[in-house]
Protein backbone atom coordinates (compact mmCIF):
# COMPACT_ATOMS: atom_id res chain seq x y z
CA MET A 1 -0.13 -0.09 0.09
CA ALA A 2 1.42 3.48 -0.97
CA GLN A 3 2.45 5.46 1.95
CA THR A 4 -0.05 8.45 2.97
CA THR A 5 1.56 12.06 2.68
CA PRO A 6 0.18 15.06 3.50
CA LEU A 7 -0.24 16.11 -0.16
CA SER A 8 -2.20 12.77 -0.77
CA ALA A 9 -5.66 14.64 -0.78
CA CYS A 10 -4.60 16.74 -4.06
CA CYS A 11 -1.51 14.73 -5.38
CA SER A 12 -0.62 11.14 -5.14
CA PRO A 13 2.74 10.12 -5.05
CA PRO A 14 4.69 10.21 -8.23
CA LEU A 15 5.50 6.76 -9.49
CA ARG A 16 8.14 5.53 -12.55
CA ILE A 17 6.24 3.94 -15.19
CA TRP A 18 6.86 3.09 -18.80
CA PRO A 19 3.67 2.79 -20.61
CA PHE A 20 5.31 2.32 -24.25
CA VAL A 21 6.51 -0.72 -25.89
CA HIS A 22 9.87 -0.04 -26.82
CA ALA A 23 12.06 0.28 -23.63
CA GLN A 24 14.77 3.91 -23.38
CA PRO A 25 16.02 3.30 -20.16
CA ALA A 26 17.89 6.56 -20.10
CA VAL A 27 14.50 8.37 -19.48
CA ALA A 28 13.12 8.47 -16.32
CA LEU A 29 8.90 9.08 -16.60
CA TYR A 30 7.55 9.73 -13.59
CA SER A 31 3.38 10.02 -13.24
CA CYS A 32 0.70 11.02 -10.66
CA SER A 33 -2.85 11.97 -10.33
CA PHE A 34 -3.81 15.08 -9.14
CA ASP A 35 -7.28 16.54 -7.80
CA ALA A 36 -8.02 20.58 -7.24
CA GLN A 37 -10.48 20.09 -4.47
CA GLY A 38 -8.08 18.24 -2.40
CA LEU A 39 -5.58 21.62 -2.46
CA SER A 40 -4.88 23.27 0.90
CA PRO A 41 -2.97 26.27 1.40
CA GLN A 42 -0.16 24.58 2.66
CA ALA A 43 0.52 22.24 -0.16
CA PHE A 44 3.33 24.23 -1.76
CA VAL A 45 5.13 24.23 1.38
CA GLN A 46 4.86 20.85 2.71
CA ALA A 47 5.76 19.52 -0.84
CA GLY A 48 9.08 21.60 -0.93
CA ILE A 49 8.21 22.93 -4.33
CA SER A 50 8.12 26.39 -4.92
CA ALA A 51 5.21 28.47 -6.81
CA PRO A 52 5.89 31.56 -8.75
CA ALA A 53 3.83 34.67 -8.07
CA HIS A 54 1.69 34.18 -10.94
CA ILE A 55 0.96 30.78 -9.60
CA GLN A 56 0.07 31.92 -6.60
CA ARG A 57 -2.50 33.98 -7.85
CA ALA A 58 -4.09 31.10 -10.07
CA VAL A 59 -7.29 29.16 -9.48
CA ALA A 60 -7.17 25.65 -7.63
CA LYS A 61 -6.79 23.93 -10.75
CA ARG A 62 -4.05 25.65 -12.31
CA GLN A 63 -1.96 25.48 -8.85
CA THR A 64 -2.87 21.82 -8.41
CA GLU A 65 -1.86 20.92 -12.03
CA PHE A 66 1.80 22.73 -11.48
CA LEU A 67 2.40 21.08 -8.41
CA ALA A 68 1.91 17.77 -9.56
CA GLY A 69 3.71 18.36 -12.78
CA ARG A 70 6.83 19.53 -10.62
CA LEU A 71 6.51 16.67 -8.58
CA CYS A 72 6.92 14.18 -11.36
CA ALA A 73 9.56 16.27 -12.76
CA ARG A 74 11.48 16.13 -9.27
CA SER A 75 11.10 12.69 -9.16
CA ALA A 76 12.59 12.30 -12.63
CA LEU A 77 15.44 14.62 -12.09
CA GLN A 78 16.24 12.61 -8.61
CA ALA A 79 16.30 9.62 -10.78
CA GLN A 80 19.35 11.13 -12.75
CA ALA A 81 21.12 12.83 -9.23
CA PRO A 82 19.20 12.42 -5.93
CA ASP A 83 19.93 15.87 -4.66
CA LEU A 84 18.32 17.85 -7.81
CA THR A 85 15.25 19.69 -7.06
CA ALA A 86 12.12 20.67 -9.22
CA PRO A 87 12.77 23.03 -12.34
CA GLY A 88 12.07 26.54 -12.04
CA GLN A 89 10.53 28.49 -15.03
CA ASP A 90 12.24 30.65 -17.90
CA ALA A 91 10.90 34.00 -18.75
CA GLU A 92 8.47 32.22 -21.03
CA GLY A 93 7.45 30.29 -18.60
CA ALA A 94 8.92 27.02 -19.80
CA PRO A 95 10.55 24.80 -17.46
CA GLN A 96 14.32 25.32 -16.85
CA TRP A 97 16.35 21.89 -16.60
CA PRO A 98 19.80 21.48 -15.04
CA ALA A 99 22.66 21.56 -17.08
CA GLY A 100 23.30 18.26 -18.84
CA LEU A 101 19.63 17.16 -18.63
CA CYS A 102 16.92 17.76 -20.61
CA GLY A 103 13.03 17.16 -19.92
CA SER A 104 9.38 17.88 -20.55
CA ILE A 105 6.28 18.17 -18.28
CA THR A 106 2.81 17.30 -19.02
CA HIS A 107 -0.54 17.51 -17.16
CA SER A 108 -3.95 16.87 -18.51
CA ASN A 109 -7.28 16.46 -16.74
CA GLY A 110 -5.94 14.76 -13.51
CA LEU A 111 -3.20 13.35 -14.88
CA ALA A 112 0.48 14.91 -14.54
CA ALA A 113 3.61 13.39 -16.02
CA ALA A 114 7.05 14.25 -16.35
CA ALA A 115 10.36 13.08 -18.43
CA VAL A 116 13.96 13.54 -17.75
CA ALA A 117 17.14 12.33 -19.51
CA SER A 118 20.85 13.48 -19.56
CA ARG A 119 21.85 15.45 -22.73
CA GLN A 120 24.57 12.87 -23.51
CA ASP A 121 21.61 10.44 -24.57
CA PHE A 122 19.07 13.11 -25.65
CA LEU A 123 19.14 16.67 -27.19
CA GLY A 124 15.57 17.14 -26.47
CA LEU A 125 12.36 15.22 -24.87
CA GLY A 126 8.57 16.08 -25.48
CA LEU A 127 5.96 14.60 -23.51
CA ASP A 128 2.20 15.37 -23.94
CA ALA A 129 -0.92 13.69 -22.10
CA GLU A 130 -4.17 14.23 -23.78
CA VAL A 131 -7.88 12.81 -23.10
CA LEU A 132 -9.35 11.22 -26.50
CA MET A 133 -11.68 14.02 -27.91
CA SER A 134 -15.35 13.50 -28.53
CA ASN A 135 -16.19 13.12 -32.01
CA THR A 136 -17.95 16.11 -32.27
CA ARG A 137 -14.68 18.06 -31.21
CA ALA A 138 -12.53 16.13 -33.22
CA GLN A 139 -14.45 17.14 -36.30
CA ARG A 140 -14.67 20.75 -35.48
CA LEU A 141 -11.16 20.66 -34.91
CA ALA A 142 -9.37 18.34 -37.36
CA ALA A 143 -8.74 21.11 -40.28
CA GLN A 144 -6.90 23.19 -37.87
CA ILE A 145 -4.65 20.42 -36.21
CA LEU A 146 -4.35 17.91 -39.41
CA CYS A 147 -2.41 19.45 -42.59
CA PRO A 148 -3.56 18.29 -45.82
CA ASP A 149 -2.17 14.91 -46.20
CA GLU A 150 -3.30 13.93 -43.04
CA LEU A 151 -6.96 15.09 -43.77
CA GLN A 152 -6.75 12.83 -47.00
CA ARG A 153 -5.61 9.50 -44.67
CA MET A 154 -8.22 10.23 -42.13
CA ALA A 155 -11.04 10.55 -44.97
CA CYS A 156 -10.03 7.06 -46.01
CA LEU A 157 -10.62 5.54 -42.24
CA PRO A 158 -13.74 4.51 -40.85
CA ALA A 159 -15.83 7.36 -38.90
CA SER A 160 -14.70 5.41 -35.79
CA GLU A 161 -11.22 5.66 -35.78
CA HIS A 162 -11.58 9.88 -36.82
CA ALA A 163 -11.51 10.75 -33.37
CA TRP A 164 -8.48 8.87 -32.09
CA LEU A 165 -6.59 9.87 -34.90
CA VAL A 166 -7.10 13.35 -34.56
CA SER A 167 -6.51 13.07 -30.67
CA LEU A 168 -3.36 11.14 -31.18
CA THR A 169 -1.82 13.48 -33.98
CA PHE A 170 -2.84 16.70 -31.40
CA CYS A 171 -0.90 14.56 -28.78
CA SER A 172 2.15 13.81 -31.15
CA LYS A 173 2.66 17.06 -32.48
CA GLU A 174 2.47 18.71 -28.79
CA SER A 175 5.42 16.78 -28.30
CA LEU A 176 6.89 17.47 -31.13
CA PHE A 177 7.06 21.35 -30.11
CA LYS A 178 7.99 20.54 -26.55
CA ALA A 179 10.97 18.59 -27.84
CA LEU A 180 12.03 20.88 -30.81
CA TYR A 181 11.47 24.25 -29.61
CA PRO A 182 14.13 24.72 -27.03
CA LEU A 183 16.58 23.25 -29.71
CA VAL A 184 15.16 25.77 -32.41
CA GLY A 185 14.10 28.84 -30.50
CA GLN A 186 11.28 29.70 -32.89
CA ARG A 187 7.82 28.71 -32.43
CA PHE A 188 5.82 26.42 -35.00
CA TYR A 189 2.33 25.02 -35.19
CA PHE A 190 0.42 22.23 -36.36
CA GLN A 191 0.24 22.43 -39.95
CA ASP A 192 3.80 22.77 -39.63
CA ALA A 193 4.46 19.05 -39.08
CA GLU A 194 2.87 16.02 -40.39
CA LEU A 195 2.09 12.81 -38.48
CA LEU A 196 3.66 10.41 -41.46
CA GLU A 197 3.44 6.96 -39.57
CA CYS A 198 1.30 5.49 -36.42
CA HIS A 199 2.09 1.94 -35.87
CA ALA A 200 0.29 -0.52 -34.02
CA ASP A 201 3.19 -1.41 -31.56
CA GLY A 202 2.94 2.30 -30.65
CA ARG A 203 6.12 3.78 -32.92
CA LEU A 204 5.39 7.05 -34.57
CA GLN A 205 7.35 9.11 -37.04
CA LEU A 206 6.71 13.00 -37.55
CA ARG A 207 7.94 15.29 -40.85
CA LEU A 208 8.52 18.91 -40.28
CA LEU A 209 6.65 20.85 -43.23
CA ARG A 210 9.22 23.80 -43.01
CA ASP A 211 12.39 24.94 -42.01
CA LEU A 212 13.26 25.53 -38.53
CA ALA A 213 16.74 25.74 -38.43
CA PRO A 214 19.66 24.79 -40.44
CA GLN A 215 20.04 21.67 -38.36
CA TRP A 216 16.11 21.19 -38.80
CA PRO A 217 15.17 21.81 -42.48
CA LYS A 218 11.91 20.71 -44.10
CA ASP A 219 11.42 17.31 -43.98
CA SER A 220 13.52 16.36 -41.07
CA LEU A 221 12.10 13.01 -39.38
CA LEU A 222 11.53 12.36 -36.15
CA SER A 223 10.65 9.39 -34.21
CA GLY A 224 8.22 8.96 -31.00
CA GLN A 225 6.12 6.43 -29.39
CA HIS A 226 2.37 6.70 -28.33
CA ALA A 227 0.50 4.71 -25.83
CA ALA A 228 -2.86 4.32 -23.57
CA LEU A 229 -2.40 5.34 -20.00
CA GLY A 230 -5.85 4.94 -18.27
CA SER A 231 -8.00 6.90 -20.18
CA HIS A 232 -5.14 9.51 -21.80
CA LEU A 233 -3.20 8.95 -24.68
CA LEU A 234 0.36 9.88 -23.89
CA SER A 235 3.37 10.41 -26.74
CA LEU A 236 6.76 10.77 -26.08
CA VAL A 237 9.06 12.48 -28.83
CA SER A 238 12.87 11.39 -28.36
CA ILE A 239 15.56 13.20 -30.42
CA ALA A 240 18.60 10.95 -29.52
CA THR A 241 21.87 12.77 -29.99
CA ALA A 242 23.38 10.35 -32.38
CA THR A 243 20.48 9.77 -34.42
CA SER A 244 20.55 11.27 -37.89
CA ARG A 245 17.59 13.67 -38.39
CA GLN A 246 17.44 14.63 -42.21
CA GLY A 247 14.26 13.33 -44.08
């Protein structure tokens, strides 16, 4: 039985997980559940997590998801070095990872998770969790999330698979952005990438549809994985240091 802590009412203890089929032992991935109704005024102090001023002013939901994400990130960091603490934030609000490490945090509808790895193994990680969209929402958002070629492929699938495909495309492109943005320093959007392949064993491949940097030109290919985690979809894009990224 898991040990009860003062945070149990709002955040469960982070646990190391690996829901993906293909192992990546160098990546520490931790997850926890959270519930804003259990948040207390002392939660951040009890957890030993610093809350930026804008988080302190935020509603309970935003405070709790931030706290849960930082708890997972701290556990993932401590799997690399036990003396590390939760990451701070940069001027844009992105996590500030310690020198020599890269990572990613996600939270969605009561689930938080974080992944961390050494930069000796990976240039970047992008982790995202999403709840499966309803059919109505997927149809409404499909043209915003899917590029023309993706829309054509979706049209060839049974209608019962559309919501899953739109959800996975959204999730995987969010992971791609989180992995690449710290490396290229410029924003890009759903129409700037294509989910090229999605396999039954959880492997996926994405392709850039525009130049982002000299090292990341149009048609660069990036690999990732996807898996179900309870009621959520989880995707991870990991950019290995020694992998060729040219399409």
